[in-house]
Protein backbone atom coordinates (compact mmCIF):
# COMPACT_ATOMS: atom_id res chain seq x y z
CA MET A 1 0.08 -0.17 0.03
CA LEU A 2 1.29 3.37 -0.71
CA LEU A 3 0.61 4.69 2.62
CA ASN A 4 3.02 2.20 4.18
CA LEU A 5 5.84 3.20 1.56
CA LEU A 6 5.54 6.92 3.03
CA GLY A 7 6.39 5.52 6.48
CA ALA A 8 5.19 6.66 9.94
CA PRO A 9 1.80 8.27 10.24
CA ARG A 10 3.54 11.23 11.34
CA ARG A 11 5.32 11.49 8.01
CA VAL A 12 1.84 11.11 6.15
CA LEU A 13 0.14 13.86 8.21
CA ALA A 14 3.38 16.29 7.55
CA LEU A 15 2.62 15.65 3.84
CA VAL A 16 -1.02 16.39 3.92
CA ALA A 17 -0.13 19.78 6.23
CA LEU A 18 2.20 20.61 3.14
CA ALA A 19 0.01 19.76 0.53
CA CYS A 20 -2.83 21.97 2.06
CA VAL A 21 -0.41 24.80 2.11
CA ALA A 22 0.50 24.44 -1.32
CA LEU A 23 -3.07 24.51 -2.13
CA LEU A 24 -3.59 27.64 -0.04
CA ALA A 25 -0.54 29.09 -1.86
CA PHE A 26 -1.95 27.93 -5.41
CA GLY A 27 -5.46 29.77 -4.49
CA LEU A 28 -3.76 33.04 -3.40
CA TYR A 29 -1.92 32.88 -6.90
CA LEU A 30 -5.12 32.41 -8.71
CA GLN A 31 -6.65 35.26 -6.69
CA HIS A 32 -3.67 37.90 -6.54
CA VAL A 33 -1.67 37.12 -9.70
CA ALA A 34 -4.47 35.75 -12.05
CA GLY A 35 -6.88 37.94 -10.94
CA LEU A 36 -9.81 35.36 -9.81
CA GLU A 37 -12.01 36.72 -7.13
CA PRO A 38 -13.17 33.76 -4.48
CA CYS A 39 -16.41 33.51 -3.94
CA PRO A 40 -18.18 32.47 -0.80
CA MET A 41 -18.07 29.05 -1.09
CA CYS A 42 -14.27 29.03 -2.10
CA ILE A 43 -13.18 30.87 0.85
CA VAL A 44 -15.44 28.44 3.28
CA GLN A 45 -13.09 26.07 1.24
CA ARG A 46 -9.87 28.15 2.06
CA TYR A 47 -10.89 28.01 5.69
CA ALA A 48 -11.17 24.07 5.40
CA LEU A 49 -7.92 23.51 3.90
CA VAL A 50 -6.25 26.07 6.84
CA LEU A 51 -8.36 23.80 9.37
CA ILE A 52 -6.86 20.56 7.74
CA ALA A 53 -3.36 22.11 7.54
CA LEU A 54 -3.41 23.28 11.19
CA VAL A 55 -4.70 19.66 12.64
CA SER A 56 -2.45 17.52 10.43
CA GLY A 57 0.69 19.97 11.31
CA VAL A 58 -0.29 19.73 15.20
CA THR A 59 -0.99 15.69 14.90
CA ALA A 60 2.04 14.95 13.00
CA MET A 61 3.83 16.43 16.07
CA THR A 62 2.82 13.72 18.37
CA ASN A 63 3.99 10.23 19.13
CA LYS A 64 0.72 8.84 21.02
CA LYS A 65 -1.26 6.62 18.96
CA SER A 66 -4.42 7.86 20.52
CA ALA A 67 -3.61 11.28 19.29
CA LEU A 68 -2.84 10.54 15.98
CA ILE A 69 -5.91 8.53 15.46
CA ALA A 70 -8.56 11.15 16.76
CA GLY A 71 -6.02 14.08 14.70
CA SER A 72 -7.04 11.75 11.77
CA GLY A 73 -10.63 11.25 12.63
CA LEU A 74 -10.86 15.07 12.93
CA LEU A 75 -9.21 15.09 9.46
CA VAL A 76 -11.83 12.90 8.14
CA LEU A 77 -14.51 15.35 9.28
CA LEU A 78 -12.66 18.47 8.48
CA SER A 79 -12.17 16.88 4.56
CA GLY A 80 -16.10 15.86 4.41
CA PHE A 81 -16.92 19.36 5.23
CA GLY A 82 -14.57 20.73 2.37
CA GLY A 83 -15.98 18.10 0.26
CA PHE A 84 -19.24 19.01 0.91
CA VAL A 85 -19.14 22.52 0.41
CA ALA A 86 -16.95 21.85 -3.13
CA ALA A 87 -19.50 19.17 -4.02
CA ARG A 88 -22.32 21.84 -3.66
CA GLN A 89 -20.22 24.29 -5.58
CA SER A 90 -19.85 21.99 -8.27
CA TRP A 91 -23.55 20.99 -8.43
CA LEU A 92 -24.36 24.69 -8.68
CA GLN A 93 -21.84 25.04 -11.61
CA TRP A 94 -23.42 22.12 -13.29
CA TYR A 95 -26.61 22.94 -12.64
CA PRO A 96 -26.96 26.93 -12.43
CA PRO A 97 -30.33 27.98 -10.77
CA GLU A 98 -32.78 29.83 -13.13
CA PHE A 99 -32.23 33.05 -11.40
CA ALA A 100 -28.85 33.74 -10.30
CA SER A 101 -28.26 36.68 -8.10
CA CYS A 102 -24.61 38.08 -7.45
CA GLY A 103 -24.25 38.68 -3.75
CA ARG A 104 -21.62 40.49 -1.82
CA ASP A 105 -18.76 39.07 -1.26
CA PHE A 106 -17.53 37.24 2.05
CA TYR A 107 -15.89 40.46 3.86
CA GLY A 108 -18.81 42.91 2.92
CA MET A 109 -21.33 40.40 4.26
CA ILE A 110 -19.11 40.21 7.86
CA GLU A 111 -19.13 44.02 7.84
CA THR A 112 -22.85 44.63 7.36
CA PHE A 113 -24.46 41.78 8.84
CA PRO A 114 -23.97 40.39 12.44
CA LEU A 115 -22.00 37.15 12.41
CA GLN A 116 -25.13 34.94 13.35
CA ARG A 117 -26.99 36.24 9.69
CA ALA A 118 -23.66 36.27 7.69
CA ILE A 119 -22.82 32.66 8.37
CA PRO A 120 -25.66 31.37 6.83
CA MET A 121 -25.54 33.73 3.84
CA ILE A 122 -21.95 32.19 3.03
CA PHE A 123 -23.43 28.91 2.46
CA LYS A 124 -26.05 29.99 0.03
CA GLY A 125 -23.61 30.69 -2.91
CA SER A 126 -24.16 33.71 -5.02
CA GLY A 127 -24.12 33.87 -8.76
CA ASP A 128 -19.87 34.50 -8.30
CA CYS A 129 -20.09 30.49 -7.00
CA ILE A 130 -21.82 29.35 -10.26
CA LYS A 131 -19.25 31.40 -12.69
CA VAL A 132 -16.15 29.01 -14.10
CA ASP A 133 -13.11 31.31 -14.52
CA TRP A 134 -10.61 28.51 -14.42
CA THR A 135 -10.43 25.04 -15.73
CA PHE A 136 -7.69 22.31 -15.95
CA LEU A 137 -8.22 18.96 -17.88
CA GLY A 138 -11.92 19.95 -17.96
CA GLY A 139 -12.46 20.17 -13.99
CA SER A 140 -13.00 23.48 -12.41
CA ILE A 141 -11.74 24.82 -9.14
CA ALA A 142 -14.60 23.41 -7.27
CA ASN A 143 -14.18 20.28 -8.94
CA TRP A 144 -10.54 19.61 -8.02
CA SER A 145 -10.96 21.00 -4.43
CA PHE A 146 -13.78 17.98 -4.48
CA VAL A 147 -11.03 15.45 -5.40
CA CYS A 148 -8.60 17.27 -2.75
CA PHE A 149 -10.81 16.81 -0.23
CA VAL A 150 -11.77 13.40 -1.07
CA VAL A 151 -8.17 12.46 -1.39
CA ILE A 152 -7.15 13.76 2.00
CA GLY A 153 -9.84 12.11 3.48
CA LEU A 154 -9.25 8.84 2.45
CA ILE A 155 -5.83 9.29 3.65
CA ALA A 156 -7.06 10.25 7.07
CA LEU A 157 -9.20 7.45 7.17
CA SER A 158 -6.32 4.87 5.98
CA GLN A 159 -4.38 6.36 8.74
CA ILE A 160 -6.96 5.18 11.06
CA VAL A 161 -7.23 1.59 9.85
CA LEU A 162 -3.28 1.51 10.13
CA LEU A 163 -3.12 2.69 13.53
CA THR A 164 -5.85 0.71 14.93
CA GLN A 165 -4.43 -2.63 13.52
CA LYS A 166 -1.09 -2.11 14.73
CA ARG A 167 -0.61 -3.28 18.35
């Protein structure tokens, strides 16, 4: 198995953290160099990647089996959340609603509305979330983001399986 070839769970988790940092850097490149403005759903996916990078980085620093299993479990949940948002955005791109309205950007929502109203607005998605500005091998940013979250979730799940089988 590939994960056994990579070595210890700590090394695998460190690689996950590094991959998340690389994905975030690419997102910032697309925003600041290529000029693509992120939609609210893109921003939520970025936050999920930041949390995954932090959890996997912190978990990679421990030798305790129980902490490695708990951290990997949290990674499964976080990648599931990020994957859900990416899947929803992909769905909106494939089947756009009849009337798409461009809403405010994330920071505009936070500045204008109280947090308890702004958070649900972020998850609704605006017309910007439907727009496909960039593709690679036929997949949009949301499609590739979904793939990345699924891969991270599968890696974390396999770490849990490997760690629970070891004595």
